[in-house]
């Protein structure tokens, strides 16, 4: 593909595919060998990027970043701009992802990623992905009749967050059907209402009797079935889809410019990003931004007690450690914790309750590739693919693997990590709500936080309310502050969800405060009355199993295509 630069062609992390165009990567989601797609090369930033991009609004900045990964021969510039503009016109804040000064005296800032239609960071990527799907399919079908149209069937399993963001990203899109399986009665009421009150004809909610594992197993079985794949042309929207990682790169640049354009930033100051993560997709986008040339001193990986990533950075072992029985108990049913993956510990941050991080192999590939002594580029690529495939086989067969000291040291160049307990999560929510406005210094003491006033005269509370996932990022930031303190270092912590989406944890932290009013201070107008709206959801009994799901998909897709 002469029209594509190396950063606009894609390969599989497991070595089975090279030279893939962006369109195929987006529509396939997963490589044929089971690997994940990555660009053959990470692009360098253009000359004078810092000055040219410094004042750009989010959508224009996204165009500049995404153009480095998407050939104009695949999406012409005017079309790419239109896709981006349409994707972010649905956001409630003019900045799309505003930067909030959470603790100015400590140079601690919060990047609010929850201003999209479902109040979660996943909207940034899934609004874009939905429009990409539609663009590619409409173009393929421009001269097709009803019977020969290219139709994409998106299938996903969710414990709440991904499902609602996927539905809002794909609702009403031409030539796309979306089927989201959720465990019946095991997602939070808000998450369930967000999904099931979307009445667009191409959206299908399936409430499966069972656990999230049951839903996930069914989805995996459908993707592994050649007959179902060929008949319905299955597509994926979870974080294995490269377009989701790509879309998230932009907000690292936007946050950087928001900070350096502020009065708090001084020339020569360093910047750390702290990212609460389970599947490693959000922080991986930061890695791409850093590798492109964005001056990030460190990316801090913040996990909950499902700490496979933190253990990797501490030891070099990437190893499942499933827990069961009493050891697995925790979290709140009202926030969807019952949907968690079998073997993961239930916590107050259920969106991060994972056993393995699905995007981690993308980083592993680059660590091997960049450390290879081979001269030829293709030889280094093949070596990386072979090694990643070997490691993933070890993970599958033995439950884990250990990387060499050289690989671990390479991983530590760009990353640090912290594990945050539920206790520290609650304390962090409580402390930042109660902190006197603009005057508090919150300090870390290991896996807990304590508070000391810079002056004792303020009686007005800041009342900033964090959701539990965002609180994990903030708690990890406070620990990182002890290693890289102000005034020479700034921390940008990513806020991944609106607190109303995890009301149980917020109530647990703040319910005893006399001056806390959930409906007044937390509940968005968009959530009021949501539970009373008309719903469309189809129940799937346990006995129906995979065949029942396959039958429902066939019936609904056939009805859609014939409309």
Protein backbone atom coordinates (compact mmCIF):
# COMPACT_ATOMS: atom_id res chain seq x y z
CA UNK A 1 0.00 0.00 0.00
CA UNK A 2 2.08 2.89 -1.30
CA UNK A 3 -0.59 5.36 -0.21
CA UNK A 4 -0.07 4.36 3.43
CA UNK A 5 2.78 5.26 5.77
CA UNK A 6 4.02 2.58 8.19
CA UNK A 7 1.87 4.09 10.96
CA UNK A 8 -1.21 3.73 8.73
CA UNK A 9 -0.72 -0.02 8.18
CA UNK A 10 -1.43 -2.57 10.87
CA UNK A 11 -0.15 -5.93 12.09
CA UNK A 12 -1.21 -8.55 14.64
CA UNK A 13 0.58 -8.76 17.98
CA UNK A 14 0.88 -12.53 17.46
CA UNK A 15 2.56 -12.37 14.07
CA UNK A 16 -0.20 -13.69 11.80
CA UNK A 17 -1.10 -10.52 9.89
CA UNK A 18 0.89 -7.62 8.37
CA UNK A 19 0.05 -4.65 6.16
CA UNK A 20 -3.61 -4.49 7.17
CA UNK A 21 -5.59 -1.37 6.17
CA UNK A 22 -7.36 0.67 8.83
CA UNK A 23 -10.85 -0.18 7.54
CA UNK A 24 -10.31 -3.93 7.89
CA UNK A 25 -8.79 -3.46 11.34
CA UNK A 26 -11.83 -1.51 12.54
CA UNK A 27 -14.43 -3.89 11.08
CA UNK A 28 -12.64 -7.08 12.16
CA UNK A 29 -11.73 -5.96 15.68
CA UNK A 30 -9.70 -9.09 16.42
CA UNK A 31 -6.93 -10.53 14.21
CA UNK A 32 -7.44 -13.98 12.66
CA UNK A 33 -4.65 -15.44 14.83
CA UNK A 34 -6.30 -14.18 18.01
CA UNK A 35 -3.90 -11.24 18.33
CA UNK A 36 -4.67 -7.53 18.56
CA UNK A 37 -4.00 -4.97 15.86
CA UNK A 38 -1.34 -2.29 16.30
CA UNK A 39 0.27 0.14 13.82
CA UNK A 40 3.42 -1.21 12.17
CA UNK A 41 5.16 1.92 13.43
CA UNK A 42 4.26 4.62 15.96
CA UNK A 43 4.32 7.95 14.13
CA UNK A 44 6.53 10.86 15.18
CA UNK A 45 4.93 14.24 15.72
CA UNK A 46 5.16 16.72 12.84
CA UNK A 47 7.49 19.71 12.88
CA UNK A 48 6.33 22.55 15.11
CA UNK A 49 3.40 20.47 16.42
CA UNK A 50 3.47 22.12 19.85
CA UNK A 51 2.82 25.61 18.49
CA UNK A 52 0.47 24.58 15.69
CA UNK A 53 -1.73 22.42 17.92
CA UNK A 54 -1.54 24.42 21.15
CA UNK A 55 -4.84 26.32 20.79
CA UNK A 56 -6.83 23.79 18.80
CA UNK A 57 -10.26 22.73 20.06
CA UNK A 58 -10.68 19.05 20.82
CA UNK A 59 -12.19 18.00 17.49
CA UNK A 60 -9.49 19.76 15.44
CA UNK A 61 -6.79 18.27 17.64
CA UNK A 62 -8.33 14.81 17.17
CA UNK A 63 -8.15 15.29 13.40
CA UNK A 64 -4.43 16.09 13.57
CA UNK A 65 -3.65 13.08 15.78
CA UNK A 66 -5.87 10.56 13.96
CA UNK A 67 -4.60 11.61 10.53
CA UNK A 68 -1.21 10.20 11.48
CA UNK A 69 -2.79 6.74 11.79
CA UNK A 70 -5.40 6.84 8.99
CA UNK A 71 -4.43 7.19 5.34
CA UNK A 72 -6.38 9.84 3.38
CA UNK A 73 -6.80 7.17 0.70
CA UNK A 74 -9.02 5.29 3.17
CA UNK A 75 -10.87 8.23 4.72
CA UNK A 76 -10.53 11.53 2.82
CA UNK A 77 -9.74 14.52 5.08
CA UNK A 78 -13.17 16.15 4.69
CA UNK A 79 -14.87 12.89 5.66
CA UNK A 80 -12.58 12.30 8.63
CA UNK A 81 -13.27 15.82 9.90
CA UNK A 82 -17.01 15.26 9.54
CA UNK A 83 -16.84 11.94 11.42
CA UNK A 84 -14.91 13.55 14.27
CA UNK A 85 -17.19 16.61 14.47
CA UNK A 86 -20.27 14.39 14.55
CA UNK A 87 -18.75 12.17 17.24
CA UNK A 88 -18.07 14.97 19.70
CA UNK A 89 -21.16 17.07 19.04
CA UNK A 90 -22.94 14.79 21.53
CA UNK A 91 -20.81 15.92 24.50
CA UNK A 92 -22.23 18.26 27.13
CA UNK A 93 -19.07 20.29 27.80
CA UNK A 94 -17.59 22.68 25.22
CA UNK A 95 -14.06 21.41 26.01
CA UNK A 96 -15.23 17.77 25.60
CA UNK A 97 -12.69 16.66 28.28
CA UNK A 98 -12.09 19.62 30.63
CA UNK A 99 -9.12 19.75 33.01
CA UNK A 100 -10.18 20.51 36.59
CA UNK A 101 -7.74 21.89 39.22
CA UNK A 102 -8.46 19.34 41.97
CA UNK A 103 -5.70 20.32 44.43
CA UNK A 104 -3.91 23.40 43.04
CA UNK A 105 -1.34 23.62 45.84
CA UNK A 106 -0.17 20.12 44.93
CA UNK A 107 -0.32 20.59 41.14
CA UNK A 108 -2.95 17.83 41.04
CA UNK A 109 -5.41 18.09 38.16
CA UNK A 110 -8.38 15.94 37.16
CA UNK A 111 -9.14 15.18 33.51
CA UNK A 112 -12.92 14.82 33.36
CA UNK A 113 -13.73 12.20 30.73
CA UNK A 114 -17.39 11.74 31.64
CA UNK A 115 -19.16 14.49 29.69
CA UNK A 116 -20.39 12.22 26.89
CA UNK A 117 -23.90 10.81 26.46
CA UNK A 118 -23.48 7.91 28.93
CA UNK A 119 -21.34 9.81 31.47
CA UNK A 120 -18.28 7.54 31.07
CA UNK A 121 -14.85 7.83 29.43
CA UNK A 122 -15.80 5.10 26.94
CA UNK A 123 -17.99 7.63 25.10
CA UNK A 124 -14.86 9.36 23.75
CA UNK A 125 -13.99 6.24 21.78
CA UNK A 126 -17.38 4.64 21.15
CA UNK A 127 -19.05 7.73 19.69
CA UNK A 128 -16.17 7.80 17.19
CA UNK A 129 -16.24 4.04 16.55
CA UNK A 130 -19.97 4.08 15.85
CA UNK A 131 -19.53 6.75 13.22
CA UNK A 132 -16.58 4.88 11.70
CA UNK A 133 -18.68 1.73 11.34
CA UNK A 134 -21.44 3.68 9.63
CA UNK A 135 -19.03 5.48 7.26
CA UNK A 136 -17.36 2.28 6.08
CA UNK A 137 -20.64 0.37 5.68
CA UNK A 138 -22.49 3.12 3.85
CA UNK A 139 -19.56 3.45 1.44
CA UNK A 140 -19.47 -0.31 0.83
CA UNK A 141 -23.21 -0.34 0.18
CA UNK A 142 -23.46 2.70 -2.05
CA UNK A 143 -24.39 0.59 -5.09
CA UNK A 144 -25.83 -2.47 -3.33
CA UNK A 145 -29.43 -3.57 -3.34
CA UNK A 146 -31.31 -4.77 -0.25
CA UNK A 147 -30.22 -8.39 -0.61
CA UNK A 148 -26.50 -7.76 -1.18
CA UNK A 149 -25.87 -5.02 1.38
CA UNK A 150 -22.87 -5.38 3.72
CA UNK A 151 -24.38 -5.56 7.22
CA UNK A 152 -22.33 -5.60 10.44
CA UNK A 153 -23.59 -7.37 13.55
CA UNK A 154 -21.90 -6.05 16.68
CA UNK A 155 -22.07 -8.37 19.68
CA UNK A 156 -20.81 -7.62 23.16
CA UNK A 157 -21.14 -8.66 26.79
CA UNK A 158 -21.28 -6.07 29.53
CA UNK A 159 -21.52 -5.56 33.25
CA UNK A 160 -22.86 -2.09 32.51
CA UNK A 161 -20.49 0.62 31.31
CA UNK A 162 -19.34 -0.76 27.95
CA UNK A 163 -22.87 -1.80 26.98
CA UNK A 164 -24.46 1.61 27.44
CA UNK A 165 -21.57 3.42 25.71
CA UNK A 166 -21.68 0.96 22.79
CA UNK A 167 -25.44 1.32 22.43
CA UNK A 168 -25.29 5.11 22.44
CA UNK A 169 -22.46 5.02 19.93
CA UNK A 170 -24.29 2.69 17.52
CA UNK A 171 -27.96 3.60 17.95
CA UNK A 172 -29.61 4.48 14.66
CA UNK A 173 -26.51 3.72 12.57
CA UNK A 174 -27.14 2.42 9.06
CA UNK A 175 -26.35 -1.22 8.30
CA UNK A 176 -25.29 -1.99 11.88
CA UNK A 177 -27.12 -4.18 14.39
CA UNK A 178 -25.93 -4.20 17.98
CA UNK A 179 -26.64 -6.99 20.47
CA UNK A 180 -25.57 -6.41 24.07
CA UNK A 181 -25.80 -9.28 26.54
CA UNK A 182 -25.98 -8.43 30.22
CA UNK A 183 -26.55 -10.69 33.25
CA UNK A 184 -30.18 -10.28 34.26
CA UNK A 185 -30.55 -8.46 37.58
CA UNK A 186 -26.79 -8.14 38.02
CA UNK A 187 -26.01 -4.68 36.66
CA UNK A 188 -26.69 -1.41 38.45
CA UNK A 189 -30.18 0.09 37.97
CA UNK A 190 -28.75 3.18 36.25
CA UNK A 191 -26.63 1.13 33.85
CA UNK A 192 -29.56 -1.15 33.03
CA UNK A 193 -31.89 1.80 32.43
CA UNK A 194 -29.35 3.53 30.20
CA UNK A 195 -29.16 0.45 27.99
CA UNK A 196 -32.73 -0.74 27.89
CA UNK A 197 -34.48 2.62 27.38
CA UNK A 198 -32.80 3.05 23.98
CA UNK A 199 -35.58 2.09 21.56
CA UNK A 200 -33.80 2.40 18.20
CA UNK A 201 -34.65 -0.54 15.94
CA UNK A 202 -31.01 -1.60 15.51
CA UNK A 203 -30.39 -1.92 19.27
CA UNK A 204 -31.07 -5.24 20.99
CA UNK A 205 -30.64 -5.75 24.73
CA UNK A 206 -30.53 -9.36 25.87
CA UNK A 207 -30.95 -9.99 29.61
CA UNK A 208 -29.30 -13.38 30.14
CA UNK A 209 -30.13 -15.51 33.14
CA UNK A 210 -26.69 -16.10 34.64
CA UNK A 211 -23.45 -14.21 35.31
CA UNK A 212 -21.28 -11.89 33.25
CA UNK A 213 -19.05 -14.90 32.62
CA UNK A 214 -21.98 -16.68 30.98
CA UNK A 215 -22.58 -13.68 28.71
CA UNK A 216 -18.90 -13.39 27.86
CA UNK A 217 -18.62 -17.10 27.11
CA UNK A 218 -21.55 -16.88 24.69
CA UNK A 219 -20.01 -13.91 22.89
CA UNK A 220 -16.66 -15.69 22.57
CA UNK A 221 -18.39 -18.82 21.26
CA UNK A 222 -20.22 -16.79 18.60
CA UNK A 223 -16.99 -15.16 17.41
CA UNK A 224 -15.30 -18.57 17.32
CA UNK A 225 -18.09 -20.06 15.19
CA UNK A 226 -17.22 -19.73 11.45
CA UNK A 227 -20.84 -20.21 10.38
CA UNK A 228 -22.17 -17.41 12.59
CA UNK A 229 -19.30 -15.13 11.57
CA UNK A 230 -19.86 -15.62 7.85
CA UNK A 231 -23.64 -15.36 8.12
CA UNK A 232 -23.79 -12.22 10.26
CA UNK A 233 -20.37 -10.56 9.78
CA UNK A 234 -19.62 -10.07 13.48
CA UNK A 235 -17.87 -6.97 14.81
CA UNK A 236 -16.43 -6.03 18.22
CA UNK A 237 -16.70 -2.81 20.23
CA UNK A 238 -14.78 -3.66 23.37
CA UNK A 239 -11.31 -2.27 24.00
CA UNK A 240 -9.61 -4.85 21.79
CA UNK A 241 -10.80 -2.75 18.82
CA UNK A 242 -7.86 -0.55 17.81
CA UNK A 243 -10.12 2.42 17.00
CA UNK A 244 -10.99 2.72 20.69
CA UNK A 245 -7.33 3.06 21.69
CA UNK A 246 -6.72 5.47 18.84
CA UNK A 247 -9.56 7.81 19.80
CA UNK A 248 -8.31 8.02 23.39
CA UNK A 249 -4.84 9.24 22.40
CA UNK A 250 -6.29 12.68 21.68
CA UNK A 251 -7.25 13.49 25.24
CA UNK A 252 -3.67 13.12 26.46
CA UNK A 253 -2.66 15.86 24.03
CA UNK A 254 -5.68 17.97 24.94
CA UNK A 255 -4.92 17.67 28.66
CA UNK A 256 -1.26 18.57 28.03
CA UNK A 257 -2.21 21.73 26.15
CA UNK A 258 -4.87 22.66 28.72
CA UNK A 259 -2.20 22.46 31.42
CA UNK A 260 0.63 24.31 29.67
CA UNK A 261 -1.82 27.05 28.65
CA UNK A 262 -2.73 27.59 32.32
CA UNK A 263 -1.03 29.96 34.74
CA UNK A 264 -0.05 27.08 37.06
CA UNK A 265 2.40 25.60 34.55
CA UNK A 266 5.95 26.90 34.44
CA UNK A 267 8.54 26.23 31.75
CA UNK A 268 10.50 23.11 32.60
CA UNK A 269 7.75 21.55 34.75
CA UNK A 270 7.23 17.81 34.34
CA UNK A 271 3.90 16.04 33.79
CA UNK A 272 2.70 12.67 35.02
CA UNK A 273 -0.56 11.04 33.98
CA UNK A 274 -2.25 8.70 36.47
CA UNK A 275 -4.74 6.27 34.99
CA UNK A 276 -7.19 3.96 36.80
CA UNK A 277 -7.24 0.87 34.63
CA UNK A 278 -8.33 -2.75 34.39
CA UNK A 279 -7.98 -3.80 30.77
CA UNK A 280 -5.04 -1.43 30.12
CA UNK A 281 -6.67 0.32 27.14
CA UNK A 282 -6.93 3.82 28.62
CA UNK A 283 -3.33 3.98 29.82
CA UNK A 284 -2.11 2.32 26.61
CA UNK A 285 -3.40 5.34 24.70
CA UNK A 286 -1.13 7.44 26.91
CA UNK A 287 1.78 5.19 26.00
CA UNK A 288 1.17 5.85 22.30
CA UNK A 289 1.02 9.60 22.98
CA UNK A 290 4.32 9.41 24.90
CA UNK A 291 6.00 7.35 22.19
CA UNK A 292 4.84 9.85 19.57
CA UNK A 293 6.70 12.58 21.45
CA UNK A 294 4.27 14.07 23.97
CA UNK A 295 6.47 15.07 26.95
CA UNK A 296 5.04 12.78 29.64
CA UNK A 297 7.52 12.00 32.42
CA UNK A 298 5.66 8.90 33.64
CA UNK A 299 2.40 7.03 33.19
CA UNK A 300 1.18 5.71 36.54
CA UNK A 301 -0.97 2.58 36.32
CA UNK A 302 -3.56 2.60 39.11
CA UNK A 303 -5.30 -0.71 39.85
CA UNK A 304 -7.81 -1.84 42.44
CA UNK A 305 -7.21 -5.05 44.41
CA UNK A 306 -7.34 -7.01 41.15
CA UNK A 307 -3.70 -6.12 40.78
CA UNK A 308 -2.19 -8.22 37.98
CA UNK A 309 -0.71 -5.07 36.41
CA UNK A 310 0.74 -3.71 39.65
CA UNK A 311 2.29 -7.11 40.38
CA UNK A 312 3.84 -7.15 36.92
CA UNK A 313 5.61 -3.82 37.46
CA UNK A 314 6.74 -4.85 40.92
CA UNK A 315 8.05 -8.32 39.98
CA UNK A 316 8.06 -9.02 36.23
CA UNK A 317 5.46 -11.77 36.72
CA UNK A 318 2.22 -11.49 34.75
CA UNK A 319 0.12 -14.05 36.55
CA UNK A 320 -3.55 -14.75 37.21
CA UNK A 321 -4.39 -14.99 40.89
CA UNK A 322 -8.05 -16.01 41.02
CA UNK A 323 -9.89 -15.77 44.33
CA UNK A 324 -13.09 -17.54 45.31
CA UNK A 325 -15.49 -17.79 48.21
CA UNK A 326 -15.12 -15.27 51.02
CA UNK A 327 -11.87 -13.91 49.57
CA UNK A 328 -13.72 -12.81 46.43
CA UNK A 329 -16.52 -11.04 48.25
CA UNK A 330 -16.80 -7.27 48.30
CA UNK A 331 -18.22 -4.34 46.42
CA UNK A 332 -21.86 -3.37 46.18
CA UNK A 333 -24.64 -5.16 44.32
CA UNK A 334 -26.28 -1.80 43.60
CA UNK A 335 -23.24 -0.79 41.54
CA UNK A 336 -23.23 -4.01 39.51
CA UNK A 337 -20.59 -5.96 41.39
CA UNK A 338 -22.47 -9.29 41.01
CA UNK A 339 -21.64 -9.19 37.31
CA UNK A 340 -17.89 -9.49 37.85
CA UNK A 341 -15.68 -12.07 36.19
CA UNK A 342 -15.35 -15.38 38.00
CA UNK A 343 -12.11 -15.44 39.99
CA UNK A 344 -11.79 -11.67 40.25
CA UNK A 345 -12.19 -10.02 43.62
CA UNK A 346 -15.37 -7.98 43.87
CA UNK A 347 -14.55 -4.35 44.68
CA UNK A 348 -16.15 -0.92 44.85
CA UNK A 349 -14.75 -0.23 41.36
CA UNK A 350 -16.40 -3.06 39.39
CA UNK A 351 -15.40 -1.82 35.93
CA UNK A 352 -11.81 -2.71 36.90
CA UNK A 353 -12.54 -6.15 38.35
CA UNK A 354 -10.52 -8.29 35.94
CA UNK A 355 -8.22 -11.30 36.08
CA UNK A 356 -6.14 -10.38 33.03
CA UNK A 357 -5.78 -7.14 31.08
CA UNK A 358 -6.90 -7.69 27.50
CA UNK A 359 -4.79 -4.89 25.97
CA UNK A 360 -1.55 -5.67 27.75
CA UNK A 361 -0.16 -7.75 24.88
CA UNK A 362 -0.02 -4.60 22.77
CA UNK A 363 2.56 -3.12 25.14
CA UNK A 364 4.44 -6.42 25.37
CA UNK A 365 4.85 -6.46 21.57
CA UNK A 366 6.48 -3.02 21.55
CA UNK A 367 8.76 -3.88 24.50
CA UNK A 368 10.11 -6.89 22.63
CA UNK A 369 10.32 -5.09 19.27
CA UNK A 370 12.17 -2.09 20.68
CA UNK A 371 14.62 -4.30 22.62
CA UNK A 372 15.40 -6.68 19.76
CA UNK A 373 19.04 -6.73 18.56
CA UNK A 374 17.99 -7.69 15.00
CA UNK A 375 18.86 -5.17 12.28
CA UNK A 376 15.98 -5.78 9.90
CA UNK A 377 12.64 -4.25 10.86
CA UNK A 378 10.65 -7.27 9.70
CA UNK A 379 12.89 -9.59 11.73
CA UNK A 380 12.19 -7.54 14.86
CA UNK A 381 8.46 -7.62 14.12
CA UNK A 382 8.49 -11.39 13.69
CA UNK A 383 10.50 -11.85 16.87
CA UNK A 384 8.02 -9.72 18.82
CA UNK A 385 5.04 -11.61 17.42
CA UNK A 386 6.58 -14.97 18.22
CA UNK A 387 7.45 -13.95 21.79
CA UNK A 388 4.03 -12.46 22.53
CA UNK A 389 2.32 -15.58 21.18
CA UNK A 390 4.54 -17.73 23.41
CA UNK A 391 3.77 -15.64 26.51
CA UNK A 392 0.03 -15.73 25.84
CA UNK A 393 0.16 -19.51 25.47
CA UNK A 394 1.91 -19.70 28.84
CA UNK A 395 -0.80 -17.51 30.35
CA UNK A 396 -3.49 -19.78 28.94
CA UNK A 397 -1.85 -23.07 29.89
CA UNK A 398 -0.01 -22.22 33.10
CA UNK A 399 -1.80 -19.14 34.40
CA UNK A 400 1.08 -16.73 33.93
CA UNK A 401 4.58 -15.95 32.65
CA UNK A 402 7.68 -14.06 33.68
CA UNK A 403 9.49 -11.55 31.46
CA UNK A 404 13.25 -11.03 31.44
CA UNK A 405 14.85 -8.34 33.64
CA UNK A 406 15.58 -6.37 30.45
CA UNK A 407 11.90 -6.35 29.41
CA UNK A 408 10.80 -5.35 32.92
CA UNK A 409 13.34 -2.53 33.01
CA UNK A 410 12.10 -1.32 29.62
CA UNK A 411 8.53 -1.32 30.96
CA UNK A 412 9.63 0.80 33.92
CA UNK A 413 11.04 3.52 31.66
CA UNK A 414 7.55 4.76 30.84
CA UNK A 415 5.42 3.34 33.67
CA UNK A 416 5.03 3.10 37.41
CA UNK A 417 2.16 1.39 39.22
CA UNK A 418 0.09 1.45 42.38
CA UNK A 419 -2.60 -0.81 43.85
CA UNK A 420 -5.40 0.94 45.76
CA UNK A 421 -7.67 -0.78 48.29
CA UNK A 422 -11.40 -0.23 48.74
CA UNK A 423 -10.65 1.41 52.09
CA UNK A 424 -8.36 3.97 50.45
CA UNK A 425 -10.93 4.49 47.69
CA UNK A 426 -13.63 5.42 50.20
CA UNK A 427 -11.25 7.65 52.16
CA UNK A 428 -10.26 9.48 48.97
CA UNK A 429 -13.89 10.16 48.00
CA UNK A 430 -14.59 11.39 51.51
CA UNK A 431 -11.49 13.54 51.84
CA UNK A 432 -11.93 15.41 48.57
CA UNK A 433 -15.58 16.10 49.35
CA UNK A 434 -14.69 17.46 52.78
CA UNK A 435 -11.53 19.34 51.78
CA UNK A 436 -11.77 23.10 52.32
CA UNK A 437 -11.97 24.81 48.96
CA UNK A 438 -8.59 25.59 47.35
CA UNK A 439 -6.73 25.18 50.65
CA UNK A 440 -6.36 21.51 51.40
CA UNK A 441 -3.33 19.31 51.03
CA UNK A 442 -4.20 15.64 50.92
CA UNK A 443 -1.29 13.35 51.71
CA UNK A 444 -0.69 9.67 51.10
CA UNK A 445 0.34 7.27 53.82
CA UNK A 446 0.88 4.04 51.94
CA UNK A 447 -2.50 2.70 50.86
CA UNK A 448 -4.41 5.26 52.88
CA UNK A 449 -4.78 9.02 52.71
CA UNK A 450 -4.60 11.69 55.36
CA UNK A 451 -5.45 15.37 55.24
CA UNK A 452 -3.55 18.45 56.39
CA UNK A 453 -4.60 22.05 55.83
CA UNK A 454 -2.30 24.57 54.19
CA UNK A 455 -4.20 27.08 56.28
CA UNK A 456 -6.87 26.44 58.87
CA UNK A 457 -9.17 29.31 58.05
CA UNK A 458 -11.35 28.06 55.21
CA UNK A 459 -14.79 26.81 56.24
CA UNK A 460 -16.15 26.33 52.73
CA UNK A 461 -15.84 22.76 51.44
CA UNK A 462 -14.64 21.97 47.95
CA UNK A 463 -17.33 19.24 47.71
CA UNK A 464 -15.76 17.63 44.67
CA UNK A 465 -17.33 14.18 44.31
CA UNK A 466 -15.28 11.37 42.77
CA UNK A 467 -16.64 8.09 41.52
CA UNK A 468 -14.76 5.04 42.92
CA UNK A 469 -12.72 4.43 39.75
CA UNK A 470 -11.61 8.05 39.54
CA UNK A 471 -10.82 7.96 43.27
CA UNK A 472 -8.37 5.12 42.63
CA UNK A 473 -6.51 7.36 40.18
CA UNK A 474 -6.46 10.23 42.66
CA UNK A 475 -5.27 7.98 45.50
CA UNK A 476 -2.46 6.70 43.28
CA UNK A 477 -1.60 10.30 42.38
CA UNK A 478 -1.13 11.13 46.06
CA UNK A 479 1.37 8.27 46.36
CA UNK A 480 3.15 9.37 43.17
CA UNK A 481 3.35 12.89 44.62
CA UNK A 482 5.68 11.59 47.32
CA UNK A 483 8.15 10.50 44.60
CA UNK A 484 7.65 13.45 42.25
CA UNK A 485 6.44 16.39 44.36
CA UNK A 486 5.38 19.89 43.35
CA UNK A 487 6.21 22.54 42.38
CA UNK A 488 8.28 21.04 39.56
CA UNK A 489 5.90 18.17 38.74
CA UNK A 490 2.21 18.18 37.78
CA UNK A 491 -0.08 15.15 38.07
CA UNK A 492 -3.07 14.71 35.77
CA UNK A 493 -5.39 12.02 37.07
CA UNK A 494 -8.05 10.63 34.74
CA UNK A 495 -11.68 10.74 35.96
CA UNK A 496 -13.35 7.92 34.07
CA UNK A 497 -16.99 8.04 35.20
CA UNK A 498 -19.59 10.37 36.67
CA UNK A 499 -20.23 9.58 40.36
CA UNK A 500 -23.94 9.00 39.71
CA UNK A 501 -23.07 5.84 37.77
CA UNK A 502 -21.72 4.26 40.96
CA UNK A 503 -24.11 5.73 43.48
CA UNK A 504 -23.66 2.95 46.01
CA UNK A 505 -19.97 3.65 46.60
CA UNK A 506 -20.58 7.39 46.75
CA UNK A 507 -23.37 6.90 49.31
CA UNK A 508 -21.12 4.59 51.31
CA UNK A 509 -18.42 7.26 51.44
CA UNK A 510 -20.56 10.34 51.95
CA UNK A 511 -23.96 9.18 53.22
CA UNK A 512 -23.21 10.12 56.82
CA UNK A 513 -22.27 13.72 55.89
CA UNK A 514 -25.10 15.99 56.98
CA UNK A 515 -24.40 18.38 54.11
CA UNK A 516 -24.41 15.69 51.40
CA UNK A 517 -27.48 15.47 49.19
CA UNK A 518 -27.17 12.86 46.43
CA UNK A 519 -30.03 14.12 44.29
CA UNK A 520 -28.93 17.73 44.56
CA UNK A 521 -25.16 17.30 44.28
CA UNK A 522 -24.69 14.17 42.17
CA UNK A 523 -27.71 13.09 40.14
CA UNK A 524 -27.65 14.57 36.61
CA UNK A 525 -30.91 15.82 35.10
CA UNK A 526 -30.52 13.18 32.37
CA UNK A 527 -30.86 10.41 34.99
CA UNK A 528 -34.00 11.78 36.62
CA UNK A 529 -36.97 9.62 35.67
CA UNK A 530 -34.83 7.31 33.55
CA UNK A 531 -36.08 4.23 35.37
CA UNK A 532 -39.69 5.11 34.43
CA UNK A 533 -39.09 5.33 30.67
CA UNK A 534 -40.27 2.69 28.22
CA UNK A 535 -37.85 -0.20 27.87
CA UNK A 536 -37.07 -2.76 25.21
CA UNK A 537 -35.23 -5.84 26.41
CA UNK A 538 -35.49 -9.52 25.63
CA UNK A 539 -35.00 -12.07 28.41
CA UNK A 540 -32.94 -15.17 27.66
CA UNK A 541 -33.64 -18.10 29.95
CA UNK A 542 -30.74 -20.22 31.15
CA UNK A 543 -32.06 -23.22 29.22
CA UNK A 544 -31.96 -21.37 25.89
CA UNK A 545 -28.18 -21.13 25.99
CA UNK A 546 -26.00 -20.37 22.99
CA UNK A 547 -28.49 -21.75 20.50
CA UNK A 548 -31.15 -19.43 21.84
CA UNK A 549 -28.84 -16.41 21.45
CA UNK A 550 -27.93 -17.51 17.91
CA UNK A 551 -31.63 -17.88 17.01
CA UNK A 552 -32.51 -14.44 18.41
CA UNK A 553 -29.69 -12.77 16.48
CA UNK A 554 -30.81 -14.46 13.27
CA UNK A 555 -34.42 -13.38 13.72
CA UNK A 556 -33.65 -9.78 14.60
CA UNK A 557 -31.02 -9.21 11.90
CA UNK A 558 -33.33 -10.70 9.26
CA UNK A 559 -36.14 -8.39 10.34
CA UNK A 560 -33.83 -5.35 10.25
CA UNK A 561 -32.43 -6.08 6.80
CA UNK A 562 -35.94 -6.53 5.37
CA UNK A 563 -37.22 -3.20 6.70
